[in-house]
Amino acid sequence: MRIGLIAPPWVPVPPTTYGGTELVVDTLARALTARGHDVVLVATADSTCPVRTISVFETAPTPMNTTAEELRHVLGAYAALAGEVDVIHDHTVAGPVWAIASGVTAPIISTAHGPITDLNRGIYAVTGKAVCLTAISRRQQELAGDLPFHHVIHHGLDPERFEPGPGDGGYLMFVGRMSHEKGVRDAVLIARGAGLPIVVASKMREDVEIAYFERYVRPVADNRVTFLGELSPSERDSYLRHAVALVNPIAWEEPFGLVMTEALALGTPVIVTPRGAAPEIVADGVTGFVVDDVDQGVAAVRHISEIDRRECRKAIEGYFSAERMAKQYEALYCDVLDRSSARTT
C-alpha cells in the first residue's frame, strides 16, 4: 500500500525535544515501512525519519500555530501526494478541511491529536462528515460528544528504541510543559511530601509558562528540586530509566499523554491523576498508581516498590507497541480504501 503521512509543520519528525505528535508520526512511519508499505512523509526538511520525505518548509516556521503557514504546508502536501499514494493520513487540523473544500478525491484519515475545544469543534464536525476521523483515546472520543469519531487508536511505541532501566537513582521525575494543566506544582509537592528529590524536565519558553513557574512552582521548590529545562529524547530517557517513578499529576483532560508510555517503556512506573486518557494507560497497582490528590500521590510513592518494573515494560511490548498501532491503522486504511472503491463502482 502507498501511504502518505502529513505531519504538522511546527516540529521536525522525529522531534529533537518537544513534539509528541511528531514522535507518533515518526513511529508510525517506521512501523508501516517495516510491515512492507511504501510510506511518503510530508514534514519539514530537517526531519530525519528514514522514509521518503517531501517538504514545504526547510525548518519549522515561527511562531507556531499560525494559519497562513499551516495552510501553505497542507496545500503543498496534498499537491505533492496527488496520484502518488493510495491513502492519505493527515495529522494536521487544517489539512482535511482544505482537502474537502478543494475536492481532493483520495481517501483521507484524520487523527485528532489535541483536545476538542470550542475553537476546533466546528472544524472536526465538518471534517468528520467527509473523512475518516479517529480519536487517540476513549476519553477524547467521549468528551467529543456527537462529533463523528468512528475509531479510537491509542498511540504506540517501538520498545526496541527504549532501554529499560533499574530505577536506582533515588529521585522522582516530572516531564512536561511548565503549566498548571501538566501539574508541575503538585509533582514538586508530592516529592517534598515523600522526602525524595525530583528532577523536572520542562518546556518553559512562553511568557505564560515563565509566569506560572514564578508564581506557583518556585515558591514550593527547595534544593531537592532540579530544573533541567527541555531535554532531547535520549537525555530524558537517561534520567527516566533511573527514576523511581514518573510523577504526572495532570489537571486537565489530556487526550493521551505520550510521556506515560515512554516512562513505561523504560520500566519506570507512573503516578498519575485520573484525568483524560491516564486510566487507559496506567493500570492502577500494576504499572503505577492512579491518585486523586497530593496526599494520595505521597502515599503512592511510599508504595512504589510494590510495582514490578518488568510489568511496566510488558505493557509497551504488548498493547502499547508500535506494531499494534500500525496494524490498527493498516486495517483502517484498507477499510477506507474499500469503501472508497465501492462508491466509485
Protein backbone atom coordinates (compact mmCIF):
# COMPACT_ATOMS: atom_id res chain seq x y z
CA MET A 1 0.00 0.00 0.00
CA ARG A 2 1.21 3.54 -0.76
CA ILE A 3 0.58 5.69 2.30
CA GLY A 4 1.02 9.44 2.62
CA LEU A 5 1.57 10.81 6.13
CA ILE A 6 1.18 14.56 6.66
CA ALA A 7 2.84 15.82 9.84
CA PRO A 8 2.24 19.32 11.24
CA PRO A 9 4.93 21.82 10.13
CA TRP A 10 5.92 23.02 13.59
CA VAL A 11 8.48 20.39 14.67
CA PRO A 12 10.78 18.04 12.71
CA VAL A 13 9.95 14.32 12.55
CA PRO A 14 11.11 12.85 14.87
CA PRO A 15 11.32 15.77 17.32
CA THR A 16 14.64 16.79 18.80
CA THR A 17 12.97 17.95 22.05
CA TYR A 18 9.28 18.81 22.46
CA GLY A 19 6.85 17.20 20.00
CA GLY A 20 4.52 14.34 20.88
CA THR A 21 2.57 14.30 17.61
CA GLU A 22 5.77 14.22 15.60
CA LEU A 23 7.08 11.27 17.63
CA VAL A 24 3.87 9.37 16.88
CA VAL A 25 4.14 10.15 13.16
CA ASP A 26 7.76 9.01 13.12
CA THR A 27 6.93 5.79 14.97
CA LEU A 28 4.01 5.06 12.65
CA ALA A 29 6.07 5.73 9.51
CA ARG A 30 8.77 3.30 10.65
CA ALA A 31 6.29 0.63 11.71
CA LEU A 32 4.30 0.82 8.46
CA THR A 33 7.53 0.60 6.46
CA ALA A 34 8.57 -2.46 8.47
CA ARG A 35 5.24 -4.03 7.50
CA GLY A 36 6.10 -3.62 3.81
CA HIS A 37 4.25 -0.43 2.91
CA ASP A 38 5.58 2.45 0.80
CA VAL A 39 5.40 5.47 3.08
CA VAL A 40 5.78 9.09 1.96
CA LEU A 41 6.07 11.70 4.71
CA VAL A 42 5.34 15.41 4.38
CA ALA A 43 7.33 17.25 7.05
CA THR A 44 9.99 19.92 7.43
CA ALA A 45 13.21 19.32 5.50
CA ASP A 46 15.26 18.92 8.68
CA SER A 47 13.28 15.80 9.59
CA THR A 48 15.32 12.61 9.88
CA CYS A 49 12.60 9.96 9.73
CA PRO A 50 14.03 7.22 7.42
CA VAL A 51 11.29 7.33 4.76
CA ARG A 52 10.88 9.38 1.59
CA THR A 53 10.15 12.92 2.76
CA ILE A 54 8.56 15.85 0.92
CA SER A 55 8.96 19.33 2.38
CA VAL A 56 7.32 22.70 2.01
CA PHE A 57 9.41 24.36 4.72
CA GLU A 58 13.12 23.83 5.30
CA THR A 59 12.65 24.27 9.04
CA ALA A 60 9.65 24.87 11.28
CA PRO A 61 8.02 28.26 10.72
CA THR A 62 7.71 30.55 13.72
CA PRO A 63 5.69 31.42 15.62
CA MET A 64 3.88 28.09 15.90
CA ASN A 65 0.24 27.52 15.00
CA THR A 66 -0.15 30.32 12.51
CA THR A 67 -2.88 29.93 9.90
CA ALA A 68 -1.04 31.03 6.75
CA GLU A 69 1.94 28.77 7.38
CA GLU A 70 -0.19 25.72 8.15
CA LEU A 71 -2.28 26.27 5.02
CA ARG A 72 0.82 26.68 2.88
CA HIS A 73 2.12 23.40 4.32
CA VAL A 74 -1.05 21.42 3.66
CA LEU A 75 -1.56 22.88 0.17
CA GLY A 76 1.93 21.73 -0.72
CA ALA A 77 1.34 18.38 0.94
CA TYR A 78 -1.82 17.50 -0.94
CA ALA A 79 -0.39 18.74 -4.24
CA ALA A 80 2.72 16.58 -3.80
CA LEU A 81 0.77 13.48 -2.78
CA ALA A 82 -1.84 13.70 -5.55
CA GLY A 83 -1.69 10.48 -7.59
CA GLU A 84 1.34 9.27 -5.63
CA VAL A 85 -0.39 7.42 -2.77
CA ASP A 86 -3.42 5.22 -2.20
CA VAL A 87 -4.45 6.80 1.09
CA ILE A 88 -3.57 9.98 2.99
CA HIS A 89 -3.26 10.06 6.78
CA ASP A 90 -3.38 13.70 7.85
CA HIS A 91 -2.15 14.71 11.33
CA THR A 92 -2.86 18.43 10.91
CA VAL A 93 -6.05 20.27 11.85
CA ALA A 94 -6.49 22.39 8.74
CA GLY A 95 -5.47 19.84 6.10
CA PRO A 96 -8.65 17.75 5.87
CA VAL A 97 -10.85 20.86 5.78
CA TRP A 98 -8.84 22.27 2.89
CA ALA A 99 -8.93 18.89 1.13
CA ILE A 100 -12.72 18.75 1.41
CA ALA A 101 -13.13 22.31 0.18
CA SER A 102 -10.83 21.76 -2.78
CA GLY A 103 -12.37 18.46 -3.86
CA VAL A 104 -9.49 16.09 -3.09
CA THR A 105 -10.72 12.60 -4.01
CA ALA A 106 -8.07 10.46 -2.30
CA PRO A 107 -9.27 8.56 0.78
CA ILE A 108 -8.26 10.54 3.89
CA ILE A 109 -7.85 9.56 7.54
CA SER A 110 -7.60 12.40 10.05
CA THR A 111 -6.27 11.83 13.57
CA ALA A 112 -7.14 14.45 16.19
CA HIS A 113 -4.08 14.75 18.41
CA GLY A 114 -5.29 17.62 20.60
CA PRO A 115 -8.27 18.34 22.82
CA ILE A 116 -11.66 19.19 21.37
CA THR A 117 -12.32 22.86 22.10
CA ASP A 118 -14.91 25.48 21.24
CA LEU A 119 -12.49 26.76 18.59
CA ASN A 120 -11.94 23.48 16.76
CA ARG A 121 -15.23 21.66 17.37
CA GLY A 122 -16.79 23.06 14.22
CA ILE A 123 -13.70 22.11 12.20
CA TYR A 124 -13.93 18.47 13.30
CA ALA A 125 -17.69 18.46 12.69
CA VAL A 126 -17.04 19.36 9.05
CA THR A 127 -14.04 17.03 8.78
CA GLY A 128 -15.87 14.01 10.14
CA LYS A 129 -18.59 14.22 7.51
CA ALA A 130 -16.20 13.58 4.63
CA VAL A 131 -13.08 11.86 6.01
CA CYS A 132 -12.41 9.07 8.49
CA LEU A 133 -11.93 10.82 11.83
CA THR A 134 -10.02 8.96 14.55
CA ALA A 135 -9.52 9.68 18.24
CA ILE A 136 -6.44 8.78 20.27
CA SER A 137 -8.27 7.72 23.44
CA ARG A 138 -11.71 6.66 24.58
CA ARG A 139 -11.85 9.69 26.86
CA GLN A 140 -11.17 12.05 23.95
CA GLN A 141 -13.97 10.39 21.99
CA GLU A 142 -16.31 10.58 24.99
CA LEU A 143 -15.66 14.30 25.52
CA ALA A 144 -16.22 14.94 21.80
CA GLY A 145 -19.91 14.21 22.28
CA ASP A 146 -21.72 13.89 18.97
CA LEU A 147 -18.69 14.59 16.80
CA PRO A 148 -18.25 11.78 14.26
CA PHE A 149 -15.21 9.98 15.69
CA HIS A 150 -15.61 6.45 14.38
CA HIS A 151 -12.40 4.89 15.67
CA VAL A 152 -10.13 5.06 18.70
CA ILE A 153 -6.49 4.09 18.10
CA HIS A 154 -4.14 4.54 21.03
CA HIS A 155 -0.57 5.62 20.36
CA GLY A 156 2.17 3.01 20.38
CA LEU A 157 5.94 2.99 20.81
CA ASP A 158 8.71 0.80 19.44
CA PRO A 159 10.03 -0.93 22.57
CA GLU A 160 13.35 -1.62 20.84
CA ARG A 161 14.07 2.13 20.92
CA PHE A 162 13.82 2.22 24.73
CA GLU A 163 16.31 0.51 27.02
CA PRO A 164 14.70 -0.32 30.39
CA GLY A 165 16.45 0.94 33.50
CA PRO A 166 16.75 -0.16 37.11
CA GLY A 167 15.14 2.87 38.78
CA ASP A 168 18.11 3.17 41.11
CA GLY A 169 18.54 6.95 41.05
CA GLY A 170 16.65 7.67 44.25
CA TYR A 171 14.66 10.51 42.66
CA LEU A 172 11.25 11.12 41.10
CA MET A 173 10.84 12.78 37.71
CA PHE A 174 8.39 15.14 36.02
CA VAL A 175 8.32 15.69 32.26
CA GLY A 176 6.06 18.22 30.57
CA ARG A 177 5.25 21.86 29.93
CA MET A 178 5.59 24.32 32.79
CA SER A 179 1.85 24.79 33.35
CA HIS A 180 -0.98 24.21 35.78
CA GLU A 181 -2.55 21.70 33.39
CA LYS A 182 0.53 19.47 33.50
CA GLY A 183 0.65 19.58 37.30
CA VAL A 184 4.23 20.70 37.91
CA ARG A 185 3.48 22.26 41.29
CA ASP A 186 1.71 19.15 42.56
CA ALA A 187 4.57 16.97 41.32
CA VAL A 188 7.02 19.03 43.40
CA LEU A 189 4.69 18.85 46.42
CA ILE A 190 4.39 15.06 46.09
CA ALA A 191 8.16 14.70 46.02
CA ARG A 192 8.55 17.00 49.00
CA GLY A 193 5.91 15.10 50.96
CA ALA A 194 7.60 11.79 50.17
CA GLY A 195 11.01 13.14 51.11
CA LEU A 196 12.58 12.45 47.72
CA PRO A 197 14.41 14.66 45.23
CA ILE A 198 12.66 15.37 41.94
CA VAL A 199 14.08 16.12 38.51
CA VAL A 200 11.88 18.46 36.45
CA ALA A 201 12.34 18.40 32.67
CA SER A 202 10.02 21.11 31.47
CA LYS A 203 9.40 23.31 28.46
CA MET A 204 9.45 26.91 29.71
CA ARG A 205 9.73 29.29 26.76
CA GLU A 206 6.43 31.15 26.65
CA ASP A 207 5.60 34.12 28.90
CA VAL A 208 2.68 32.23 30.44
CA GLU A 209 4.96 29.30 31.30
CA ILE A 210 7.53 31.55 32.95
CA ALA A 211 4.80 33.38 34.87
CA TYR A 212 3.36 30.11 36.15
CA PHE A 213 6.79 28.98 37.31
CA GLU A 214 7.49 32.20 39.18
CA ARG A 215 4.10 32.36 40.88
CA TYR A 216 3.34 28.73 41.68
CA VAL A 217 6.39 26.49 41.36
CA ARG A 218 9.39 28.49 42.57
CA PRO A 219 7.77 29.20 46.00
CA VAL A 220 7.38 25.46 46.77
CA ALA A 221 10.71 24.31 45.31
CA ASP A 222 13.69 23.67 47.56
CA ASN A 223 17.22 22.46 46.91
CA ARG A 224 15.95 18.92 46.27
CA VAL A 225 14.26 20.08 43.07
CA THR A 226 16.45 20.07 39.93
CA PHE A 227 15.13 22.03 36.93
CA LEU A 228 16.64 20.83 33.65
CA GLY A 229 14.56 22.62 31.03
CA GLU A 230 13.85 20.86 27.73
CA LEU A 231 15.81 17.67 27.11
CA SER A 232 16.47 15.66 23.99
CA PRO A 233 14.71 12.28 23.93
CA SER A 234 17.98 10.47 24.76
CA GLU A 235 18.71 12.81 27.68
CA ARG A 236 15.16 12.48 29.01
CA ASP A 237 15.28 8.69 28.75
CA SER A 238 18.60 8.56 30.58
CA TYR A 239 17.03 10.29 33.56
CA LEU A 240 13.73 8.41 33.34
CA ARG A 241 15.23 4.92 33.34
CA HIS A 242 16.91 5.64 36.68
CA ALA A 243 13.90 7.44 38.22
CA VAL A 244 11.93 5.78 40.99
CA ALA A 245 8.75 6.90 39.21
CA LEU A 246 7.35 9.43 36.78
CA VAL A 247 5.02 11.81 38.64
CA ASN A 248 2.35 13.08 36.26
CA PRO A 249 -0.45 14.79 38.26
CA ILE A 250 -2.25 16.30 35.26
CA ALA A 251 -5.10 18.74 35.90
CA TRP A 252 -6.80 18.56 32.50
CA GLU A 253 -8.46 16.10 30.16
CA GLU A 254 -5.31 15.24 28.23
CA PRO A 255 -6.25 13.30 25.06
CA PHE A 256 -3.41 10.81 25.51
CA GLY A 257 -0.16 11.55 27.37
CA LEU A 258 2.74 10.01 25.49
CA VAL A 259 5.23 10.60 28.31
CA MET A 260 3.48 7.93 30.36
CA THR A 261 4.08 5.27 27.72
CA GLU A 262 7.67 6.45 27.30
CA ALA A 263 8.24 6.00 31.04
CA LEU A 264 6.66 2.55 31.00
CA ALA A 265 8.83 1.55 28.03
CA LEU A 266 11.83 2.35 30.21
CA GLY A 267 10.43 0.24 33.04
CA THR A 268 9.51 3.28 35.13
CA PRO A 269 6.13 3.24 36.92
CA VAL A 270 3.80 6.23 36.68
CA ILE A 271 1.89 8.11 39.38
CA VAL A 272 -0.93 10.00 37.71
CA THR A 273 -4.29 11.62 38.37
CA PRO A 274 -7.43 10.10 36.78
CA ARG A 275 -7.83 12.74 34.09
CA GLY A 276 -8.01 12.35 30.34
CA ALA A 277 -6.62 9.08 28.98
CA ALA A 278 -4.48 8.35 32.05
CA PRO A 279 -6.65 5.46 33.35
CA GLU A 280 -6.48 3.90 29.86
CA ILE A 281 -2.67 3.91 30.00
CA VAL A 282 -1.72 3.26 33.63
CA ALA A 283 -3.05 0.08 35.26
CA ASP A 284 -3.55 1.06 38.89
CA GLY A 285 -1.42 -1.12 41.15
CA VAL A 286 0.24 -2.85 38.18
CA THR A 287 2.16 -0.25 36.16
CA GLY A 288 1.78 2.61 38.64
CA PHE A 289 -0.85 4.31 40.75
CA VAL A 290 -3.84 6.48 39.85
CA VAL A 291 -4.28 9.07 42.61
CA ASP A 292 -6.74 11.87 43.30
CA ASP A 293 -4.55 14.43 45.07
CA VAL A 294 -1.14 15.26 46.51
CA ASP A 295 -1.67 13.25 49.69
CA GLN A 296 -2.54 10.13 47.71
CA GLY A 297 0.45 10.83 45.48
CA VAL A 298 2.75 10.89 48.51
CA ALA A 299 1.28 7.58 49.69
CA ALA A 300 1.77 6.11 46.22
CA VAL A 301 5.47 7.00 46.27
CA ARG A 302 5.81 5.08 49.54
CA HIS A 303 4.33 2.00 47.87
CA ILE A 304 6.12 2.33 44.54
CA SER A 305 8.49 -0.54 45.33
CA GLU A 306 5.46 -2.84 45.05
CA ILE A 307 5.32 -2.14 41.31
CA ASP A 308 7.25 -4.63 39.19
CA ARG A 309 9.17 -2.62 36.60
CA ARG A 310 9.02 -5.63 34.28
CA GLU A 311 5.23 -5.25 34.14
CA CYS A 312 5.67 -1.63 33.04
CA ARG A 313 7.83 -2.75 30.14
CA LYS A 314 5.42 -5.57 29.23
CA ALA A 315 2.62 -3.02 28.77
CA ILE A 316 4.60 -1.45 25.92
CA GLU A 317 5.77 -4.71 24.43
CA GLY A 318 2.12 -5.77 24.42
CA TYR A 319 -0.78 -3.41 23.81
CA PHE A 320 1.09 -0.09 23.58
CA SER A 321 3.51 -1.22 20.88
CA ALA A 322 4.16 0.46 17.54
CA GLU A 323 3.26 -2.80 15.81
CA ARG A 324 -0.23 -2.84 17.33
CA MET A 325 -0.77 0.81 16.36
CA ALA A 326 0.43 0.18 12.80
CA LYS A 327 -1.80 -2.89 12.42
CA GLN A 328 -4.85 -0.94 13.55
CA TYR A 329 -4.16 1.92 11.16
CA GLU A 330 -3.39 -0.55 8.38
CA ALA A 331 -6.80 -2.18 8.86
CA LEU A 332 -8.41 1.27 8.85
CA TYR A 333 -6.61 2.26 5.64
CA CYS A 334 -7.87 -0.92 3.96
CA ASP A 335 -11.41 -0.28 5.15
CA VAL A 336 -11.38 3.32 3.90
CA LEU A 337 -9.95 2.21 0.56
CA ASP A 338 -12.62 -0.49 0.19
CA ARG A 339 -15.41 1.98 0.92
CA SER A 340 -13.90 4.49 -1.47
CA SER A 341 -13.74 1.87 -4.23
CA ALA A 342 -17.34 0.86 -3.57
CA ARG A 343 -18.50 4.46 -4.04
CA THR A 344 -16.78 4.75 -7.42
CA THR A 345 -18.09 1.50 -8.92
